[in-house]
Amino acid sequence: MGIRELQGYATFFMTIIFVVLMYGYILYLYRSEKKGEKDYEKLGNIALDDEITSTPINTTDPISDEKKGAK
């Protein structure tokens, strides 16, 4: 087995691994949007709606309850 054949096998297996990872990530995004955990369309509009007067996307307080109790 020469180096060319080894490179061919490595390329093939890396392509398969990356395709599986990509489809897994797409499935994760789809499921989290369906569950209502995140709205990726709203997050995608950040670049389009970039004004100082625009409303924030996330309305939750960035300081967690644990940090509030520590102060």
N, C-alpha and C. Protein backbone atom coordinates (compact mmCIF):
# COMPACT_ATOMS: atom_id res chain seq x y z
N MET A 1 0.86 -1.16 0.00
CA MET A 1 0.00 0.00 0.00
C MET A 1 0.91 1.23 0.00
N GLY A 2 0.74 2.02 -1.04
CA GLY A 2 1.56 3.23 -1.17
C GLY A 2 0.92 4.42 -0.46
N ILE A 3 1.63 5.51 -0.48
CA ILE A 3 1.15 6.73 0.17
C ILE A 3 -0.09 7.28 -0.53
N ARG A 4 -0.16 7.11 -1.85
CA ARG A 4 -1.32 7.60 -2.60
C ARG A 4 -2.59 6.87 -2.19
N GLU A 5 -2.49 5.57 -2.04
CA GLU A 5 -3.65 4.78 -1.64
C GLU A 5 -4.07 5.13 -0.21
N LEU A 6 -3.12 5.33 0.65
CA LEU A 6 -3.40 5.71 2.03
C LEU A 6 -4.06 7.09 2.09
N GLN A 7 -3.59 8.01 1.27
CA GLN A 7 -4.21 9.34 1.21
C GLN A 7 -5.65 9.25 0.69
N GLY A 8 -5.87 8.37 -0.26
CA GLY A 8 -7.21 8.19 -0.80
C GLY A 8 -8.18 7.67 0.25
N TYR A 9 -7.74 6.66 1.02
CA TYR A 9 -8.58 6.14 2.09
C TYR A 9 -8.84 7.18 3.17
N ALA A 10 -7.81 7.93 3.53
CA ALA A 10 -7.96 8.96 4.56
C ALA A 10 -8.93 10.04 4.11
N THR A 11 -8.83 10.45 2.85
CA THR A 11 -9.74 11.46 2.31
C THR A 11 -11.17 10.95 2.31
N PHE A 12 -11.37 9.72 1.92
CA PHE A 12 -12.70 9.12 1.89
C PHE A 12 -13.32 9.08 3.29
N PHE A 13 -12.57 8.59 4.27
CA PHE A 13 -13.10 8.47 5.62
C PHE A 13 -13.31 9.84 6.28
N MET A 14 -12.44 10.78 6.02
CA MET A 14 -12.64 12.12 6.57
C MET A 14 -13.87 12.79 5.96
N THR A 15 -14.11 12.56 4.68
CA THR A 15 -15.31 13.09 4.05
C THR A 15 -16.55 12.51 4.69
N ILE A 16 -16.56 11.21 4.92
CA ILE A 16 -17.71 10.56 5.56
C ILE A 16 -17.92 11.12 6.96
N ILE A 17 -16.84 11.29 7.72
CA ILE A 17 -16.95 11.82 9.09
C ILE A 17 -17.51 13.24 9.08
N PHE A 18 -17.02 14.09 8.19
CA PHE A 18 -17.50 15.46 8.13
C PHE A 18 -18.95 15.54 7.68
N VAL A 19 -19.37 14.67 6.78
CA VAL A 19 -20.77 14.66 6.35
C VAL A 19 -21.67 14.25 7.50
N VAL A 20 -21.27 13.24 8.26
CA VAL A 20 -22.07 12.81 9.41
C VAL A 20 -22.15 13.92 10.45
N LEU A 21 -21.03 14.60 10.72
CA LEU A 21 -21.03 15.70 11.67
C LEU A 21 -21.91 16.86 11.20
N MET A 22 -21.86 17.17 9.92
CA MET A 22 -22.66 18.26 9.38
C MET A 22 -24.15 17.96 9.50
N TYR A 23 -24.55 16.74 9.13
CA TYR A 23 -25.96 16.38 9.24
C TYR A 23 -26.40 16.30 10.69
N GLY A 24 -25.53 15.90 11.59
CA GLY A 24 -25.84 15.90 13.01
C GLY A 24 -26.08 17.30 13.53
N TYR A 25 -25.25 18.23 13.10
CA TYR A 25 -25.41 19.62 13.52
C TYR A 25 -26.68 20.22 12.95
N ILE A 26 -26.99 19.92 11.70
CA ILE A 26 -28.24 20.41 11.10
C ILE A 26 -29.44 19.85 11.84
N LEU A 27 -29.38 18.58 12.20
CA LEU A 27 -30.47 17.97 12.96
C LEU A 27 -30.60 18.60 14.34
N TYR A 28 -29.47 18.89 14.99
CA TYR A 28 -29.50 19.57 16.28
C TYR A 28 -30.15 20.95 16.17
N LEU A 29 -29.78 21.73 15.15
CA LEU A 29 -30.38 23.04 14.95
C LEU A 29 -31.87 22.94 14.70
N TYR A 30 -32.28 21.98 13.88
CA TYR A 30 -33.69 21.79 13.57
C TYR A 30 -34.49 21.42 14.82
N ARG A 31 -33.97 20.50 15.61
CA ARG A 31 -34.68 20.07 16.82
C ARG A 31 -34.77 21.18 17.86
N SER A 32 -33.69 21.93 18.04
CA SER A 32 -33.73 22.99 19.05
C SER A 32 -34.66 24.12 18.63
N GLU A 33 -34.79 24.36 17.33
CA GLU A 33 -35.73 25.37 16.88
C GLU A 33 -37.17 24.88 17.03
N LYS A 34 -37.41 23.61 16.78
CA LYS A 34 -38.75 23.05 16.95
C LYS A 34 -39.18 23.02 18.41
N LYS A 35 -38.23 22.78 19.33
CA LYS A 35 -38.54 22.77 20.76
C LYS A 35 -38.77 24.17 21.30
N GLY A 36 -38.34 25.18 20.57
CA GLY A 36 -38.49 26.55 21.01
C GLY A 36 -37.35 27.04 21.87
N GLU A 37 -36.23 26.32 21.88
CA GLU A 37 -35.09 26.74 22.69
C GLU A 37 -34.42 27.98 22.10
N LYS A 38 -34.29 28.03 20.80
CA LYS A 38 -33.68 29.18 20.12
C LYS A 38 -34.42 29.43 18.82
N ASP A 39 -34.45 30.70 18.43
CA ASP A 39 -35.02 31.08 17.15
C ASP A 39 -33.88 31.57 16.27
N TYR A 40 -33.41 30.70 15.41
CA TYR A 40 -32.22 31.02 14.61
C TYR A 40 -32.50 32.04 13.52
N GLU A 41 -33.77 32.17 13.10
CA GLU A 41 -34.09 33.22 12.14
C GLU A 41 -33.94 34.58 12.78
N LYS A 42 -34.35 34.70 14.03
CA LYS A 42 -34.21 35.96 14.75
C LYS A 42 -32.73 36.28 14.97
N LEU A 43 -31.95 35.27 15.30
CA LEU A 43 -30.52 35.49 15.49
C LEU A 43 -29.82 35.82 14.18
N GLY A 44 -30.34 35.32 13.07
CA GLY A 44 -29.76 35.60 11.77
C GLY A 44 -29.99 37.03 11.32
N ASN A 45 -30.99 37.69 11.90
CA ASN A 45 -31.29 39.08 11.52
C ASN A 45 -30.44 40.09 12.28
N ILE A 46 -29.53 39.63 13.13
CA ILE A 46 -28.68 40.55 13.88
C ILE A 46 -27.85 41.42 12.94
N ALA A 47 -27.32 40.85 11.90
CA ALA A 47 -26.49 41.61 10.97
C ALA A 47 -27.32 42.61 10.17
N LEU A 48 -28.58 42.29 9.90
CA LEU A 48 -29.42 43.19 9.11
C LEU A 48 -29.97 44.33 9.96
N ASP A 49 -30.30 44.06 11.21
CA ASP A 49 -30.89 45.06 12.09
C ASP A 49 -29.85 45.45 13.13
N ASP A 50 -28.90 46.25 12.72
CA ASP A 50 -27.79 46.62 13.59
C ASP A 50 -27.81 48.12 13.87
N GLU A 51 -28.85 48.55 14.55
CA GLU A 51 -28.97 49.95 14.92
C GLU A 51 -28.84 50.08 16.43
N ILE A 52 -28.45 51.24 16.90
CA ILE A 52 -28.31 51.47 18.33
C ILE A 52 -29.67 51.45 19.03
N THR A 53 -30.73 51.77 18.29
CA THR A 53 -32.07 51.83 18.88
C THR A 53 -32.84 50.52 18.74
N SER A 54 -32.27 49.52 18.11
CA SER A 54 -32.99 48.26 17.93
C SER A 54 -33.08 47.50 19.25
N THR A 55 -34.13 46.71 19.37
CA THR A 55 -34.36 45.97 20.62
C THR A 55 -33.44 44.76 20.69
N PRO A 56 -33.04 44.37 21.88
CA PRO A 56 -32.17 43.20 22.02
C PRO A 56 -32.89 41.91 21.63
N ILE A 57 -32.12 40.95 21.14
CA ILE A 57 -32.68 39.67 20.75
C ILE A 57 -33.06 38.86 21.99
N ASN A 58 -32.13 38.73 22.92
CA ASN A 58 -32.39 37.98 24.15
C ASN A 58 -32.82 38.96 25.23
N THR A 59 -33.95 38.68 25.86
CA THR A 59 -34.45 39.58 26.89
C THR A 59 -34.10 39.10 28.29
N THR A 60 -33.39 37.99 28.40
CA THR A 60 -33.01 37.49 29.72
C THR A 60 -31.86 38.30 30.28
N ASP A 61 -31.76 38.30 31.59
CA ASP A 61 -30.69 39.03 32.26
C ASP A 61 -29.37 38.29 32.06
N PRO A 62 -28.31 38.95 31.58
CA PRO A 62 -27.06 38.24 31.34
C PRO A 62 -26.36 37.77 32.62
N ILE A 63 -26.71 38.37 33.77
CA ILE A 63 -26.11 37.94 35.03
C ILE A 63 -26.97 36.82 35.60
N SER A 64 -26.35 35.69 35.84
CA SER A 64 -27.11 34.54 36.34
C SER A 64 -27.49 34.74 37.80
N ASP A 65 -28.41 33.91 38.27
CA ASP A 65 -28.86 34.00 39.65
C ASP A 65 -27.74 33.67 40.63
N GLU A 66 -26.82 32.81 40.25
CA GLU A 66 -25.71 32.45 41.12
C GLU A 66 -24.81 33.66 41.37
N LYS A 67 -24.56 34.43 40.33
CA LYS A 67 -23.70 35.59 40.47
C LYS A 67 -24.40 36.69 41.28
N LYS A 68 -25.74 36.79 41.12
CA LYS A 68 -26.48 37.79 41.87
C LYS A 68 -26.41 37.51 43.37
N GLY A 69 -26.48 36.25 43.74
CA GLY A 69 -26.41 35.88 45.14
C GLY A 69 -25.03 36.08 45.74
N ALA A 70 -24.01 36.05 44.93
CA ALA A 70 -22.63 36.18 45.43
C ALA A 70 -22.28 37.63 45.72
N LYS A 71 -22.98 38.58 45.12
CA LYS A 71 -22.65 39.99 45.31
C LYS A 71 -23.16 40.53 46.60
